[in-house]
């Protein structure tokens, strides 16, 4: 399902999503292939597809929305 949501993004949208998630993962010492990294990737892809946000805005949303999920992973 995650792959399908990424395939439906344009190149620019995919760049924004990947940049935001990679930055978020690095700042939170998580890997992209971890459970929390995959959750962040799915969230960012869904948000980017439905709203025209920049990479920076996506990263801010991840920081806010994933803060509770970051505990214990």
PDB file of N, CA and C in Angstrom:
ATOM      1  N   UNK A   1       0.822  -1.195   0.000  1.00  0.00           N
ATOM      2  CA  UNK A   1       0.000   0.000   0.000  1.00  0.00           C
ATOM      3  C   UNK A   1       0.865   1.259   0.000  1.00  0.00           C
ATOM      4  N   UNK A   2       1.968   1.271   0.756  1.00  0.00           N
ATOM      5  CA  UNK A   2       2.844   2.431   0.815  1.00  0.00           C
ATOM      6  C   UNK A   2       3.475   2.698  -0.550  1.00  0.00           C
ATOM      7  N   UNK A   3       3.904   1.651  -1.217  1.00  0.00           N
ATOM      8  CA  UNK A   3       4.511   1.810  -2.529  1.00  0.00           C
ATOM      9  C   UNK A   3       3.515   2.446  -3.490  1.00  0.00           C
ATOM     10  N   UNK A   4       2.278   2.010  -3.449  1.00  0.00           N
ATOM     11  CA  UNK A   4       1.249   2.551  -4.326  1.00  0.00           C
ATOM     12  C   UNK A   4       1.048   4.043  -4.076  1.00  0.00           C
ATOM     13  N   UNK A   5       1.056   4.452  -2.824  1.00  0.00           N
ATOM     14  CA  UNK A   5       0.856   5.876  -2.531  1.00  0.00           C
ATOM     15  C   UNK A   5       2.038   6.703  -3.025  1.00  0.00           C
ATOM     16  N   UNK A   6       3.234   6.134  -3.010  1.00  0.00           N
ATOM     17  CA  UNK A   6       4.408   6.849  -3.514  1.00  0.00           C
ATOM     18  C   UNK A   6       4.406   6.906  -5.042  1.00  0.00           C
ATOM     19  N   UNK A   7       3.935   5.850  -5.682  1.00  0.00           N
ATOM     20  CA  UNK A   7       3.895   5.819  -7.143  1.00  0.00           C
ATOM     21  C   UNK A   7       2.912   6.832  -7.714  1.00  0.00           C
ATOM     22  N   UNK A   8       1.930   7.225  -6.927  1.00  0.00           N
ATOM     23  CA  UNK A   8       0.923   8.183  -7.382  1.00  0.00           C
ATOM     24  C   UNK A   8       1.372   9.636  -7.247  1.00  0.00           C
ATOM     25  N   UNK A   9       2.575   9.868  -6.740  1.00  0.00           N
ATOM     26  CA  UNK A   9       3.089  11.223  -6.585  1.00  0.00           C
ATOM     27  C   UNK A   9       3.849  11.652  -7.832  1.00  0.00           C
ATOM     28  N   UNK A  10       3.836  12.941  -8.104  1.00  0.00           N
ATOM     29  CA  UNK A  10       4.675  13.474  -9.175  1.00  0.00           C
ATOM     30  C   UNK A  10       6.123  13.476  -8.684  1.00  0.00           C
ATOM     31  N   UNK A  11       7.050  13.716  -9.584  1.00  0.00           N
ATOM     32  CA  UNK A  11       8.460  13.770  -9.201  1.00  0.00           C
ATOM     33  C   UNK A  11       8.711  14.842  -8.143  1.00  0.00           C
ATOM     34  N   UNK A  12       8.115  16.009  -8.323  1.00  0.00           N
ATOM     35  CA  UNK A  12       8.295  17.094  -7.351  1.00  0.00           C
ATOM     36  C   UNK A  12       7.698  16.739  -5.990  1.00  0.00           C
ATOM     37  N   UNK A  13       6.523  16.126  -6.005  1.00  0.00           N
ATOM     38  CA  UNK A  13       5.893  15.712  -4.750  1.00  0.00           C
ATOM     39  C   UNK A  13       6.751  14.661  -4.053  1.00  0.00           C
ATOM     40  N   UNK A  14       7.275  13.711  -4.807  1.00  0.00           N
ATOM     41  CA  UNK A  14       8.113  12.659  -4.235  1.00  0.00           C
ATOM     42  C   UNK A  14       9.388  13.243  -3.634  1.00  0.00           C
ATOM     43  N   UNK A  15       9.984  14.210  -4.307  1.00  0.00           N
ATOM     44  CA  UNK A  15      11.172  14.875  -3.767  1.00  0.00           C
ATOM     45  C   UNK A  15      10.859  15.545  -2.433  1.00  0.00           C
ATOM     46  N   UNK A  16       9.732  16.230  -2.360  1.00  0.00           N
ATOM     47  CA  UNK A  16       9.328  16.892  -1.116  1.00  0.00           C
ATOM     48  C   UNK A  16       9.115  15.882   0.005  1.00  0.00           C
ATOM     49  N   UNK A  17       8.419  14.803  -0.300  1.00  0.00           N
ATOM     50  CA  UNK A  17       8.127  13.775   0.698  1.00  0.00           C
ATOM     51  C   UNK A  17       9.417  13.126   1.192  1.00  0.00           C
ATOM     52  N   UNK A  18      10.259  12.694   0.273  1.00  0.00           N
ATOM     53  CA  UNK A  18      11.492  12.008   0.669  1.00  0.00           C
ATOM     54  C   UNK A  18      12.415  12.935   1.456  1.00  0.00           C
ATOM     55  N   UNK A  19      12.535  14.182   1.014  1.00  0.00           N
ATOM     56  CA  UNK A  19      13.379  15.129   1.741  1.00  0.00           C
ATOM     57  C   UNK A  19      12.883  15.375   3.152  1.00  0.00           C
ATOM     58  N   UNK A  20      11.583  15.569   3.290  1.00  0.00           N
ATOM     59  CA  UNK A  20      11.003  15.822   4.615  1.00  0.00           C
ATOM     60  C   UNK A  20      11.181  14.620   5.539  1.00  0.00           C
ATOM     61  N   UNK A  21      10.909  13.434   5.025  1.00  0.00           N
ATOM     62  CA  UNK A  21      11.004  12.230   5.865  1.00  0.00           C
ATOM     63  C   UNK A  21      12.464  11.916   6.200  1.00  0.00           C
ATOM     64  N   UNK A  22      13.364  12.055   5.247  1.00  0.00           N
ATOM     65  CA  UNK A  22      14.783  11.817   5.538  1.00  0.00           C
ATOM     66  C   UNK A  22      15.284  12.783   6.608  1.00  0.00           C
ATOM     67  N   UNK A  23      14.920  14.058   6.509  1.00  0.00           N
ATOM     68  CA  UNK A  23      15.322  15.037   7.526  1.00  0.00           C
ATOM     69  C   UNK A  23      14.716  14.700   8.878  1.00  0.00           C
ATOM     70  N   UNK A  24      13.431  14.340   8.881  1.00  0.00           N
ATOM     71  CA  UNK A  24      12.765  13.996  10.139  1.00  0.00           C
ATOM     72  C   UNK A  24      13.422  12.772  10.780  1.00  0.00           C
ATOM     73  N   UNK A  25      13.688  11.769   9.973  1.00  0.00           N
ATOM     74  CA  UNK A  25      14.330  10.552  10.497  1.00  0.00           C
ATOM     75  C   UNK A  25      15.711  10.872  11.074  1.00  0.00           C
ATOM     76  N   UNK A  26      16.496  11.663  10.361  1.00  0.00           N
ATOM     77  CA  UNK A  26      17.837  12.012  10.831  1.00  0.00           C
ATOM     78  C   UNK A  26      17.759  12.763  12.163  1.00  0.00           C
ATOM     79  N   UNK A  27      16.865  13.732  12.263  1.00  0.00           N
ATOM     80  CA  UNK A  27      16.740  14.516  13.491  1.00  0.00           C
ATOM     81  C   UNK A  27      16.253  13.677  14.670  1.00  0.00           C
ATOM     82  N   UNK A  28      15.491  12.622  14.378  1.00  0.00           N
ATOM     83  CA  UNK A  28      14.930  11.784  15.437  1.00  0.00           C
ATOM     84  C   UNK A  28      15.666  10.459  15.594  1.00  0.00           C
ATOM     85  N   UNK A  29      16.805  10.347  14.912  1.00  0.00           N
ATOM     86  CA  UNK A  29      17.656   9.148  14.993  1.00  0.00           C
ATOM     87  C   UNK A  29      16.873   7.878  14.681  1.00  0.00           C
ATOM     88  N   UNK A  30      16.094   7.938  13.606  1.00  0.00           N
ATOM     89  CA  UNK A  30      15.307   6.800  13.117  1.00  0.00           C
ATOM     90  C   UNK A  30      15.766   6.483  11.702  1.00  0.00           C
ATOM     91  N   UNK A  31      15.511   5.277  11.273  1.00  0.00           N
ATOM     92  CA  UNK A  31      15.826   4.911   9.899  1.00  0.00           C
ATOM     93  C   UNK A  31      14.543   4.928   9.078  1.00  0.00           C
ATOM     94  N   UNK A  32      14.711   5.178   7.798  1.00  0.00           N
ATOM     95  CA  UNK A  32      13.565   5.222   6.903  1.00  0.00           C
ATOM     96  C   UNK A  32      12.860   3.876   6.819  1.00  0.00           C
ATOM     97  N   UNK A  33      13.606   2.790   6.980  1.00  0.00           N
ATOM     98  CA  UNK A  33      12.994   1.467   6.871  1.00  0.00           C
ATOM     99  C   UNK A  33      12.448   0.931   8.194  1.00  0.00           C
ATOM    100  N   UNK A  34      12.533   1.730   9.263  1.00  0.00           N
ATOM    101  CA  UNK A  34      11.938   1.318  10.540  1.00  0.00           C
ATOM    102  C   UNK A  34      10.423   1.489  10.470  1.00  0.00           C
ATOM    103  N   UNK A  35       9.747   0.918  11.426  1.00  0.00           N
ATOM    104  CA  UNK A  35       8.287   1.041  11.468  1.00  0.00           C
ATOM    105  C   UNK A  35       7.857   2.504  11.541  1.00  0.00           C
ATOM    106  N   UNK A  36       8.511   3.269  12.396  1.00  0.00           N
ATOM    107  CA  UNK A  36       8.157   4.688  12.543  1.00  0.00           C
ATOM    108  C   UNK A  36       8.541   5.477  11.293  1.00  0.00           C
ATOM    109  N   UNK A  37       9.637   5.122  10.658  1.00  0.00           N
ATOM    110  CA  UNK A  37      10.035   5.779   9.416  1.00  0.00           C
ATOM    111  C   UNK A  37       9.031   5.533   8.307  1.00  0.00           C
ATOM    112  N   UNK A  38       8.525   4.316   8.220  1.00  0.00           N
ATOM    113  CA  UNK A  38       7.514   3.983   7.218  1.00  0.00           C
ATOM    114  C   UNK A  38       6.196   4.702   7.497  1.00  0.00           C
ATOM    115  N   UNK A  39       5.875   4.829   8.776  1.00  0.00           N
ATOM    116  CA  UNK A  39       4.660   5.559   9.145  1.00  0.00           C
ATOM    117  C   UNK A  39       4.780   7.026   8.749  1.00  0.00           C
ATOM    118  N   UNK A  40       5.940   7.618   8.998  1.00  0.00           N
ATOM    119  CA  UNK A  40       6.184   9.007   8.616  1.00  0.00           C
ATOM    120  C   UNK A  40       6.115   9.170   7.101  1.00  0.00           C
ATOM    121  N   UNK A  41       6.648   8.204   6.381  1.00  0.00           N
ATOM    122  CA  UNK A  41       6.632   8.245   4.918  1.00  0.00           C
ATOM    123  C   UNK A  41       5.202   8.209   4.392  1.00  0.00           C
ATOM    124  N   UNK A  42       4.384   7.336   4.935  1.00  0.00           N
ATOM    125  CA  UNK A  42       2.988   7.245   4.516  1.00  0.00           C
ATOM    126  C   UNK A  42       2.212   8.509   4.835  1.00  0.00           C
ATOM    127  N   UNK A  43       2.441   9.055   6.020  1.00  0.00           N
ATOM    128  CA  UNK A  43       1.763  10.286   6.420  1.00  0.00           C
ATOM    129  C   UNK A  43       2.153  11.435   5.502  1.00  0.00           C
ATOM    130  N   UNK A  44       3.445  11.584   5.253  1.00  0.00           N
ATOM    131  CA  UNK A  44       3.921  12.674   4.396  1.00  0.00           C
ATOM    132  C   UNK A  44       3.387  12.531   2.971  1.00  0.00           C
ATOM    133  N   UNK A  45       3.358  11.311   2.447  1.00  0.00           N
ATOM    134  CA  UNK A  45       2.853  11.085   1.089  1.00  0.00           C
ATOM    135  C   UNK A  45       1.376  11.451   0.997  1.00  0.00           C
ATOM    136  N   UNK A  46       0.603  11.044   1.981  1.00  0.00           N
ATOM    137  CA  UNK A  46      -0.833  11.360   1.972  1.00  0.00           C
ATOM    138  C   UNK A  46      -1.084  12.860   2.087  1.00  0.00           C
ATOM    139  N   UNK A  47      -0.338  13.516   2.942  1.00  0.00           N
ATOM    140  CA  UNK A  47      -0.507  14.953   3.122  1.00  0.00           C
ATOM    141  C   UNK A  47      -0.069  15.702   1.862  1.00  0.00           C
ATOM    142  N   UNK A  48       1.060  15.317   1.292  1.00  0.00           N
ATOM    143  CA  UNK A  48       1.578  16.026   0.108  1.00  0.00           C
ATOM    144  C   UNK A  48       0.641  15.871  -1.088  1.00  0.00           C
ATOM    145  N   UNK A  49       0.054  14.706  -1.211  1.00  0.00           N
ATOM    146  CA  UNK A  49      -0.860  14.462  -2.331  1.00  0.00           C
ATOM    147  C   UNK A  49      -2.132  15.308  -2.193  1.00  0.00           C
ATOM    148  N   UNK A  50      -2.609  15.493  -0.977  1.00  0.00           N
ATOM    149  CA  UNK A  50      -3.882  16.197  -0.779  1.00  0.00           C
ATOM    150  C   UNK A  50      -3.722  17.707  -0.600  1.00  0.00           C
ATOM    151  N   UNK A  51      -2.530  18.141  -0.217  1.00  0.00           N
ATOM    152  CA  UNK A  51      -2.302  19.566   0.024  1.00  0.00           C
ATOM    153  C   UNK A  51      -0.982  19.976  -0.624  1.00  0.00           C
ATOM    154  N   UNK A  52      -0.925  21.142  -1.174  1.00  0.00           N
ATOM    155  CA  UNK A  52       0.279  21.612  -1.854  1.00  0.00           C
ATOM    156  C   UNK A  52       1.291  22.207  -0.907  1.00  0.00           C
ATOM    157  N   UNK A  53       1.886  21.386  -0.087  1.00  0.00           N
ATOM    158  CA  UNK A  53       2.836  21.866   0.910  1.00  0.00           C
ATOM    159  C   UNK A  53       4.275  21.676   0.448  1.00  0.00           C
ATOM    160  N   UNK A  54       5.155  22.490   0.971  1.00  0.00           N
ATOM    161  CA  UNK A  54       6.574  22.383   0.654  1.00  0.00           C
ATOM    162  C   UNK A  54       7.216  21.299   1.526  1.00  0.00           C
ATOM    163  N   UNK A  55       8.450  20.980   1.204  1.00  0.00           N
ATOM    164  CA  UNK A  55       9.200  20.010   1.998  1.00  0.00           C
ATOM    165  C   UNK A  55       9.319  20.477   3.447  1.00  0.00           C
ATOM    166  N   UNK A  56       9.605  21.750   3.637  1.00  0.00           N
ATOM    167  CA  UNK A  56       9.740  22.305   4.986  1.00  0.00           C
ATOM    168  C   UNK A  56       8.429  22.202   5.760  1.00  0.00           C
ATOM    169  N   UNK A  57       7.333  22.509   5.104  1.00  0.00           N
ATOM    170  CA  UNK A  57       6.030  22.413   5.763  1.00  0.00           C
ATOM    171  C   UNK A  57       5.708  20.969   6.123  1.00  0.00           C
ATOM    172  N   UNK A  58       6.036  20.038   5.238  1.00  0.00           N
ATOM    173  CA  UNK A  58       5.814  18.616   5.541  1.00  0.00           C
ATOM    174  C   UNK A  58       6.630  18.186   6.748  1.00  0.00           C
ATOM    175  N   UNK A  59       7.873  18.612   6.788  1.00  0.00           N
ATOM    176  CA  UNK A  59       8.724  18.253   7.924  1.00  0.00           C
ATOM    177  C   UNK A  59       8.167  18.809   9.231  1.00  0.00           C
ATOM    178  N   UNK A  60       7.636  20.031   9.197  1.00  0.00           N
ATOM    179  CA  UNK A  60       7.031  20.615  10.397  1.00  0.00           C
ATOM    180  C   UNK A  60       5.815  19.817  10.845  1.00  0.00           C
ATOM    181  N   UNK A  61       5.005  19.373   9.896  1.00  0.00           N
ATOM    182  CA  UNK A  61       3.838  18.560  10.235  1.00  0.00           C
ATOM    183  C   UNK A  61       4.277  17.226  10.824  1.00  0.00           C
ATOM    184  N   UNK A  62       5.300  16.608  10.237  1.00  0.00           N
ATOM    185  CA  UNK A  62       5.804  15.347  10.788  1.00  0.00           C
ATOM    186  C   UNK A  62       6.295  15.542  12.214  1.00  0.00           C
ATOM    187  N   UNK A  63       7.018  16.620  12.447  1.00  0.00           N
ATOM    188  CA  UNK A  63       7.535  16.895  13.791  1.00  0.00           C
ATOM    189  C   UNK A  63       6.390  17.008  14.786  1.00  0.00           C
ATOM    190  N   UNK A  64       5.337  17.664  14.369  1.00  0.00           N
ATOM    191  CA  UNK A  64       4.179  17.838  15.255  1.00  0.00           C
ATOM    192  C   UNK A  64       3.378  16.544  15.401  1.00  0.00           C
ATOM    193  N   UNK A  65       3.010  15.941  14.283  1.00  0.00           N
ATOM    194  CA  UNK A  65       2.092  14.796  14.304  1.00  0.00           C
ATOM    195  C   UNK A  65       2.745  13.498  14.752  1.00  0.00           C
ATOM    196  N   UNK A  66       4.046  13.371  14.571  1.00  0.00           N
ATOM    197  CA  UNK A  66       4.723  12.120  14.919  1.00  0.00           C
ATOM    198  C   UNK A  66       5.380  12.193  16.301  1.00  0.00           C
ATOM    199  N   UNK A  67       5.258  13.295  17.006  1.00  0.00           N
ATOM    200  CA  UNK A  67       5.956  13.448  18.269  1.00  0.00           C
ATOM    201  C   UNK A  67       5.551  12.401  19.293  1.00  0.00           C
ATOM    202  N   UNK A  68       4.280  12.062  19.375  1.00  0.00           N
ATOM    203  CA  UNK A  68       3.840  11.029  20.313  1.00  0.00           C
ATOM    204  C   UNK A  68       4.231   9.635  19.865  1.00  0.00           C
ATOM    205  N   UNK A  69       4.305   9.419  18.539  1.00  0.00           N
ATOM    206  CA  UNK A  69       4.674   8.107  18.007  1.00  0.00           C
ATOM    207  C   UNK A  69       6.159   7.824  18.147  1.00  0.00           C
ATOM    208  N   UNK A  70       6.942   8.849  18.382  1.00  0.00           N
ATOM    209  CA  UNK A  70       8.386   8.696  18.427  1.00  0.00           C
ATOM    210  C   UNK A  70       8.853   8.061  19.723  1.00  0.00           C
ATOM    211  N   UNK A  71       7.991   7.943  20.686  1.00  0.00           N
ATOM    212  CA  UNK A  71       8.359   7.374  21.978  1.00  0.00           C
ATOM    213  C   UNK A  71       8.470   5.853  21.879  1.00  0.00           C
ATOM    214  N   UNK A  72       9.583   5.324  22.303  1.00  0.00           N
ATOM    215  CA  UNK A  72       9.747   3.891  22.416  1.00  0.00           C
ATOM    216  C   UNK A  72      10.099   3.150  21.137  1.00  0.00           C
ATOM    217  N   UNK A  73      10.270   3.814  20.030  1.00  0.00           N
ATOM    218  CA  UNK A  73      10.656   3.125  18.796  1.00  0.00           C
ATOM    219  C   UNK A  73      12.128   3.174  18.603  1.00  0.00           C
TER     220      UNK A  73
END
